[in-house]
Amino acid sequence: MANVIRTRMYVTVINLWLEVGRVHALFFKGIKPATTLIEVSWLIEQKLLVKMEVTAVCES
């Protein structure tokens, strides 16, 4: 988790932004990656409300 530098969240109901942000904060509380929240009309799995992409930098 310490290597996460960015997240993108896609939501189908923008009015849920506060709840989505709270859950995001629980998982990334010590890291605070750059974050984008985008409203979309639907996701590939119709039951889903949120999809998240995470970018991390890992050194070998």
PDB file of N, CA and C in Angstrom:
ATOM      1  N   MET A   1       0.825  -1.207   0.000  1.00  0.00           N
ATOM      2  CA  MET A   1       0.000   0.000   0.000  1.00  0.00           C
ATOM      3  C   MET A   1       0.864   1.265   0.000  1.00  0.00           C
ATOM      4  N   ALA A   2       2.026   1.212   0.599  1.00  0.00           N
ATOM      5  CA  ALA A   2       2.879   2.400   0.690  1.00  0.00           C
ATOM      6  C   ALA A   2       3.363   2.865  -0.680  1.00  0.00           C
ATOM      7  N   ASN A   3       3.286   1.997  -1.686  1.00  0.00           N
ATOM      8  CA  ASN A   3       3.749   2.350  -3.035  1.00  0.00           C
ATOM      9  C   ASN A   3       2.664   2.984  -3.902  1.00  0.00           C
ATOM     10  N   VAL A   4       1.446   3.072  -3.394  1.00  0.00           N
ATOM     11  CA  VAL A   4       0.338   3.641  -4.170  1.00  0.00           C
ATOM     12  C   VAL A   4       0.533   5.147  -4.299  1.00  0.00           C
ATOM     13  N   ILE A   5       0.506   5.637  -5.542  1.00  0.00           N
ATOM     14  CA  ILE A   5       0.679   7.076  -5.778  1.00  0.00           C
ATOM     15  C   ILE A   5      -0.566   7.737  -6.367  1.00  0.00           C
ATOM     16  N   ARG A   6      -1.486   6.919  -6.932  1.00  0.00           N
ATOM     17  CA  ARG A   6      -2.675   7.509  -7.563  1.00  0.00           C
ATOM     18  C   ARG A   6      -3.815   6.500  -7.567  1.00  0.00           C
ATOM     19  N   THR A   7      -5.034   7.017  -7.395  1.00  0.00           N
ATOM     20  CA  THR A   7      -6.230   6.193  -7.560  1.00  0.00           C
ATOM     21  C   THR A   7      -7.213   6.945  -8.449  1.00  0.00           C
ATOM     22  N   ARG A   8      -7.966   6.167  -9.213  1.00  0.00           N
ATOM     23  CA  ARG A   8      -9.079   6.710  -9.998  1.00  0.00           C
ATOM     24  C   ARG A   8     -10.306   5.902  -9.634  1.00  0.00           C
ATOM     25  N   MET A   9     -11.369   6.591  -9.286  1.00  0.00           N
ATOM     26  CA  MET A   9     -12.602   5.902  -8.933  1.00  0.00           C
ATOM     27  C   MET A   9     -13.681   6.310  -9.915  1.00  0.00           C
ATOM     28  N   TYR A  10     -14.355   5.325 -10.456  1.00  0.00           N
ATOM     29  CA  TYR A  10     -15.455   5.521 -11.384  1.00  0.00           C
ATOM     30  C   TYR A  10     -16.734   5.140 -10.639  1.00  0.00           C
ATOM     31  N   VAL A  11     -17.679   6.067 -10.553  1.00  0.00           N
ATOM     32  CA  VAL A  11     -18.932   5.816  -9.830  1.00  0.00           C
ATOM     33  C   VAL A  11     -20.112   6.009 -10.772  1.00  0.00           C
ATOM     34  N   THR A  12     -21.148   5.212 -10.562  1.00  0.00           N
ATOM     35  CA  THR A  12     -22.340   5.338 -11.395  1.00  0.00           C
ATOM     36  C   THR A  12     -23.370   6.281 -10.785  1.00  0.00           C
ATOM     37  N   VAL A  13     -23.196   6.608  -9.501  1.00  0.00           N
ATOM     38  CA  VAL A  13     -24.103   7.540  -8.812  1.00  0.00           C
ATOM     39  C   VAL A  13     -23.237   8.585  -8.113  1.00  0.00           C
ATOM     40  N   ILE A  14     -23.085   9.752  -8.719  1.00  0.00           N
ATOM     41  CA  ILE A  14     -22.192  10.776  -8.190  1.00  0.00           C
ATOM     42  C   ILE A  14     -22.609  11.251  -6.803  1.00  0.00           C
ATOM     43  N   ASN A  15     -23.888  11.119  -6.474  1.00  0.00           N
ATOM     44  CA  ASN A  15     -24.357  11.535  -5.147  1.00  0.00           C
ATOM     45  C   ASN A  15     -23.758  10.700  -4.023  1.00  0.00           C
ATOM     46  N   LEU A  16     -23.117   9.590  -4.362  1.00  0.00           N
ATOM     47  CA  LEU A  16     -22.456   8.751  -3.365  1.00  0.00           C
ATOM     48  C   LEU A  16     -21.003   9.159  -3.132  1.00  0.00           C
ATOM     49  N   TRP A  17     -20.596  10.304  -3.667  1.00  0.00           N
ATOM     50  CA  TRP A  17     -19.191  10.705  -3.596  1.00  0.00           C
ATOM     51  C   TRP A  17     -18.667  10.789  -2.168  1.00  0.00           C
ATOM     52  N   LEU A  18     -19.478  11.247  -1.236  1.00  0.00           N
ATOM     53  CA  LEU A  18     -19.025  11.381   0.143  1.00  0.00           C
ATOM     54  C   LEU A  18     -18.748  10.010   0.767  1.00  0.00           C
ATOM     55  N   GLU A  19     -19.661   9.069   0.572  1.00  0.00           N
ATOM     56  CA  GLU A  19     -19.470   7.721   1.090  1.00  0.00           C
ATOM     57  C   GLU A  19     -18.267   7.033   0.445  1.00  0.00           C
ATOM     58  N   VAL A  20     -18.134   7.192  -0.851  1.00  0.00           N
ATOM     59  CA  VAL A  20     -16.999   6.607  -1.569  1.00  0.00           C
ATOM     60  C   VAL A  20     -15.697   7.210  -1.037  1.00  0.00           C
ATOM     61  N   GLY A  21     -15.679   8.505  -0.832  1.00  0.00           N
ATOM     62  CA  GLY A  21     -14.496   9.171  -0.296  1.00  0.00           C
ATOM     63  C   GLY A  21     -14.137   8.686   1.101  1.00  0.00           C
ATOM     64  N   ARG A  22     -15.139   8.439   1.914  1.00  0.00           N
ATOM     65  CA  ARG A  22     -14.887   7.947   3.281  1.00  0.00           C
ATOM     66  C   ARG A  22     -14.253   6.563   3.265  1.00  0.00           C
ATOM     67  N   VAL A  23     -14.770   5.680   2.414  1.00  0.00           N
ATOM     68  CA  VAL A  23     -14.212   4.331   2.316  1.00  0.00           C
ATOM     69  C   VAL A  23     -12.784   4.402   1.763  1.00  0.00           C
ATOM     70  N   HIS A  24     -12.573   5.230   0.772  1.00  0.00           N
ATOM     71  CA  HIS A  24     -11.236   5.417   0.199  1.00  0.00           C
ATOM     72  C   HIS A  24     -10.276   5.879   1.291  1.00  0.00           C
ATOM     73  N   ALA A  25     -10.702   6.821   2.099  1.00  0.00           N
ATOM     74  CA  ALA A  25      -9.855   7.345   3.172  1.00  0.00           C
ATOM     75  C   ALA A  25      -9.493   6.263   4.192  1.00  0.00           C
ATOM     76  N   LEU A  26     -10.395   5.325   4.454  1.00  0.00           N
ATOM     77  CA  LEU A  26     -10.105   4.233   5.383  1.00  0.00           C
ATOM     78  C   LEU A  26      -8.949   3.362   4.880  1.00  0.00           C
ATOM     79  N   PHE A  27      -8.943   3.087   3.590  1.00  0.00           N
ATOM     80  CA  PHE A  27      -7.913   2.228   3.017  1.00  0.00           C
ATOM     81  C   PHE A  27      -6.586   2.946   2.809  1.00  0.00           C
ATOM     82  N   PHE A  28      -6.635   4.235   2.517  1.00  0.00           N
ATOM     83  CA  PHE A  28      -5.422   4.987   2.170  1.00  0.00           C
ATOM     84  C   PHE A  28      -5.120   6.089   3.171  1.00  0.00           C
ATOM     85  N   LYS A  29      -5.491   5.894   4.432  1.00  0.00           N
ATOM     86  CA  LYS A  29      -5.405   6.958   5.437  1.00  0.00           C
ATOM     87  C   LYS A  29      -4.004   7.509   5.645  1.00  0.00           C
ATOM     88  N   GLY A  30      -2.978   6.695   5.612  1.00  0.00           N
ATOM     89  CA  GLY A  30      -1.636   7.197   5.839  1.00  0.00           C
ATOM     90  C   GLY A  30      -0.895   7.586   4.582  1.00  0.00           C
ATOM     91  N   ILE A  31      -1.469   7.298   3.430  1.00  0.00           N
ATOM     92  CA  ILE A  31      -0.752   7.473   2.168  1.00  0.00           C
ATOM     93  C   ILE A  31      -1.168   8.753   1.437  1.00  0.00           C
ATOM     94  N   LYS A  32      -2.439   8.970   1.323  1.00  0.00           N
ATOM     95  CA  LYS A  32      -3.028  10.114   0.616  1.00  0.00           C
ATOM     96  C   LYS A  32      -2.544  10.229  -0.836  1.00  0.00           C
ATOM     97  N   PRO A  33      -2.850   9.230  -1.672  1.00  0.00           N
ATOM     98  CA  PRO A  33      -2.464   9.310  -3.082  1.00  0.00           C
ATOM     99  C   PRO A  33      -3.295  10.363  -3.822  1.00  0.00           C
ATOM    100  N   ALA A  34      -2.788  10.812  -4.941  1.00  0.00           N
ATOM    101  CA  ALA A  34      -3.576  11.685  -5.810  1.00  0.00           C
ATOM    102  C   ALA A  34      -4.804  10.891  -6.237  1.00  0.00           C
ATOM    103  N   THR A  35      -5.972  11.531  -6.192  1.00  0.00           N
ATOM    104  CA  THR A  35      -7.215  10.801  -6.423  1.00  0.00           C
ATOM    105  C   THR A  35      -8.129  11.555  -7.381  1.00  0.00           C
ATOM    106  N   THR A  36      -8.761  10.802  -8.267  1.00  0.00           N
ATOM    107  CA  THR A  36      -9.741  11.352  -9.200  1.00  0.00           C
ATOM    108  C   THR A  36     -11.032  10.563  -9.043  1.00  0.00           C
ATOM    109  N   LEU A  37     -12.153  11.265  -9.018  1.00  0.00           N
ATOM    110  CA  LEU A  37     -13.477  10.643  -8.953  1.00  0.00           C
ATOM    111  C   LEU A  37     -14.230  11.040 -10.215  1.00  0.00           C
ATOM    112  N   ILE A  38     -14.698  10.047 -10.960  1.00  0.00           N
ATOM    113  CA  ILE A  38     -15.341  10.288 -12.249  1.00  0.00           C
ATOM    114  C   ILE A  38     -16.699   9.601 -12.263  1.00  0.00           C
ATOM    115  N   GLU A  39     -17.735  10.325 -12.687  1.00  0.00           N
ATOM    116  CA  GLU A  39     -19.047   9.704 -12.840  1.00  0.00           C
ATOM    117  C   GLU A  39     -19.162   9.108 -14.234  1.00  0.00           C
ATOM    118  N   VAL A  40     -19.645   7.866 -14.286  1.00  0.00           N
ATOM    119  CA  VAL A  40     -19.884   7.178 -15.551  1.00  0.00           C
ATOM    120  C   VAL A  40     -21.329   6.708 -15.574  1.00  0.00           C
ATOM    121  N   SER A  41     -21.869   6.453 -16.750  1.00  0.00           N
ATOM    122  CA  SER A  41     -23.271   6.038 -16.830  1.00  0.00           C
ATOM    123  C   SER A  41     -23.472   4.578 -16.423  1.00  0.00           C
ATOM    124  N   TRP A  42     -22.455   3.731 -16.634  1.00  0.00           N
ATOM    125  CA  TRP A  42     -22.540   2.333 -16.200  1.00  0.00           C
ATOM    126  C   TRP A  42     -21.157   1.721 -16.208  1.00  0.00           C
ATOM    127  N   LEU A  43     -21.046   0.599 -15.495  1.00  0.00           N
ATOM    128  CA  LEU A  43     -19.806  -0.172 -15.469  1.00  0.00           C
ATOM    129  C   LEU A  43     -20.056  -1.505 -16.148  1.00  0.00           C
ATOM    130  N   ILE A  44     -19.001  -2.222 -16.479  1.00  0.00           N
ATOM    131  CA  ILE A  44     -19.131  -3.469 -17.222  1.00  0.00           C
ATOM    132  C   ILE A  44     -20.016  -4.487 -16.502  1.00  0.00           C
ATOM    133  N   GLU A  45     -19.940  -4.514 -15.184  1.00  0.00           N
ATOM    134  CA  GLU A  45     -20.818  -5.354 -14.372  1.00  0.00           C
ATOM    135  C   GLU A  45     -21.910  -4.435 -13.829  1.00  0.00           C
ATOM    136  N   GLN A  46     -23.113  -4.588 -14.314  1.00  0.00           N
ATOM    137  CA  GLN A  46     -24.212  -3.660 -14.022  1.00  0.00           C
ATOM    138  C   GLN A  46     -24.507  -3.493 -12.527  1.00  0.00           C
ATOM    139  N   LYS A  47     -24.181  -4.511 -11.706  1.00  0.00           N
ATOM    140  CA  LYS A  47     -24.458  -4.427 -10.267  1.00  0.00           C
ATOM    141  C   LYS A  47     -23.479  -3.527  -9.531  1.00  0.00           C
ATOM    142  N   LEU A  48     -22.337  -3.252 -10.121  1.00  0.00           N
ATOM    143  CA  LEU A  48     -21.310  -2.457  -9.453  1.00  0.00           C
ATOM    144  C   LEU A  48     -21.668  -0.977  -9.429  1.00  0.00           C
ATOM    145  N   LEU A  49     -21.333  -0.322  -8.339  1.00  0.00           N
ATOM    146  CA  LEU A  49     -21.513   1.127  -8.222  1.00  0.00           C
ATOM    147  C   LEU A  49     -20.193   1.869  -8.346  1.00  0.00           C
ATOM    148  N   VAL A  50     -19.091   1.194  -8.008  1.00  0.00           N
ATOM    149  CA  VAL A  50     -17.772   1.832  -7.992  1.00  0.00           C
ATOM    150  C   VAL A  50     -16.734   0.885  -8.581  1.00  0.00           C
ATOM    151  N   LYS A  51     -15.852   1.446  -9.396  1.00  0.00           N
ATOM    152  CA  LYS A  51     -14.676   0.727  -9.879  1.00  0.00           C
ATOM    153  C   LYS A  51     -13.476   1.588  -9.537  1.00  0.00           C
ATOM    154  N   MET A  52     -12.401   0.961  -9.080  1.00  0.00           N
ATOM    155  CA  MET A  52     -11.204   1.723  -8.727  1.00  0.00           C
ATOM    156  C   MET A  52      -9.992   1.204  -9.481  1.00  0.00           C
ATOM    157  N   GLU A  53      -9.197   2.143  -9.982  1.00  0.00           N
ATOM    158  CA  GLU A  53      -7.895   1.831 -10.571  1.00  0.00           C
ATOM    159  C   GLU A  53      -6.849   2.383  -9.623  1.00  0.00           C
ATOM    160  N   VAL A  54      -5.784   1.618  -9.409  1.00  0.00           N
ATOM    161  CA  VAL A  54      -4.711   2.032  -8.507  1.00  0.00           C
ATOM    162  C   VAL A  54      -3.391   1.980  -9.254  1.00  0.00           C
ATOM    163  N   THR A  55      -2.598   3.029  -9.113  1.00  0.00           N
ATOM    164  CA  THR A  55      -1.255   3.065  -9.679  1.00  0.00           C
ATOM    165  C   THR A  55      -0.252   3.056  -8.536  1.00  0.00           C
ATOM    166  N   ALA A  56       0.705   2.150  -8.621  1.00  0.00           N
ATOM    167  CA  ALA A  56       1.739   2.061  -7.597  1.00  0.00           C
ATOM    168  C   ALA A  56       3.107   2.027  -8.274  1.00  0.00           C
ATOM    169  N   VAL A  57       4.090   2.547  -7.590  1.00  0.00           N
ATOM    170  CA  VAL A  57       5.460   2.523  -8.081  1.00  0.00           C
ATOM    171  C   VAL A  57       6.224   1.541  -7.224  1.00  0.00           C
ATOM    172  N   CYS A  58       6.790   0.537  -7.879  1.00  0.00           N
ATOM    173  CA  CYS A  58       7.550  -0.491  -7.167  1.00  0.00           C
ATOM    174  C   CYS A  58       8.966  -0.524  -7.717  1.00  0.00           C
ATOM    175  N   GLU A  59       9.924  -0.427  -6.827  1.00  0.00           N
ATOM    176  CA  GLU A  59      11.317  -0.493  -7.233  1.00  0.00           C
ATOM    177  C   GLU A  59      11.816  -1.923  -7.107  1.00  0.00           C
ATOM    178  N   SER A  60      12.631  -2.336  -8.067  1.00  0.00           N
ATOM    179  CA  SER A  60      13.149  -3.709  -7.998  1.00  0.00           C
ATOM    180  C   SER A  60      14.593  -3.730  -7.569  1.00  0.00           C
TER     181      SER A  60
END
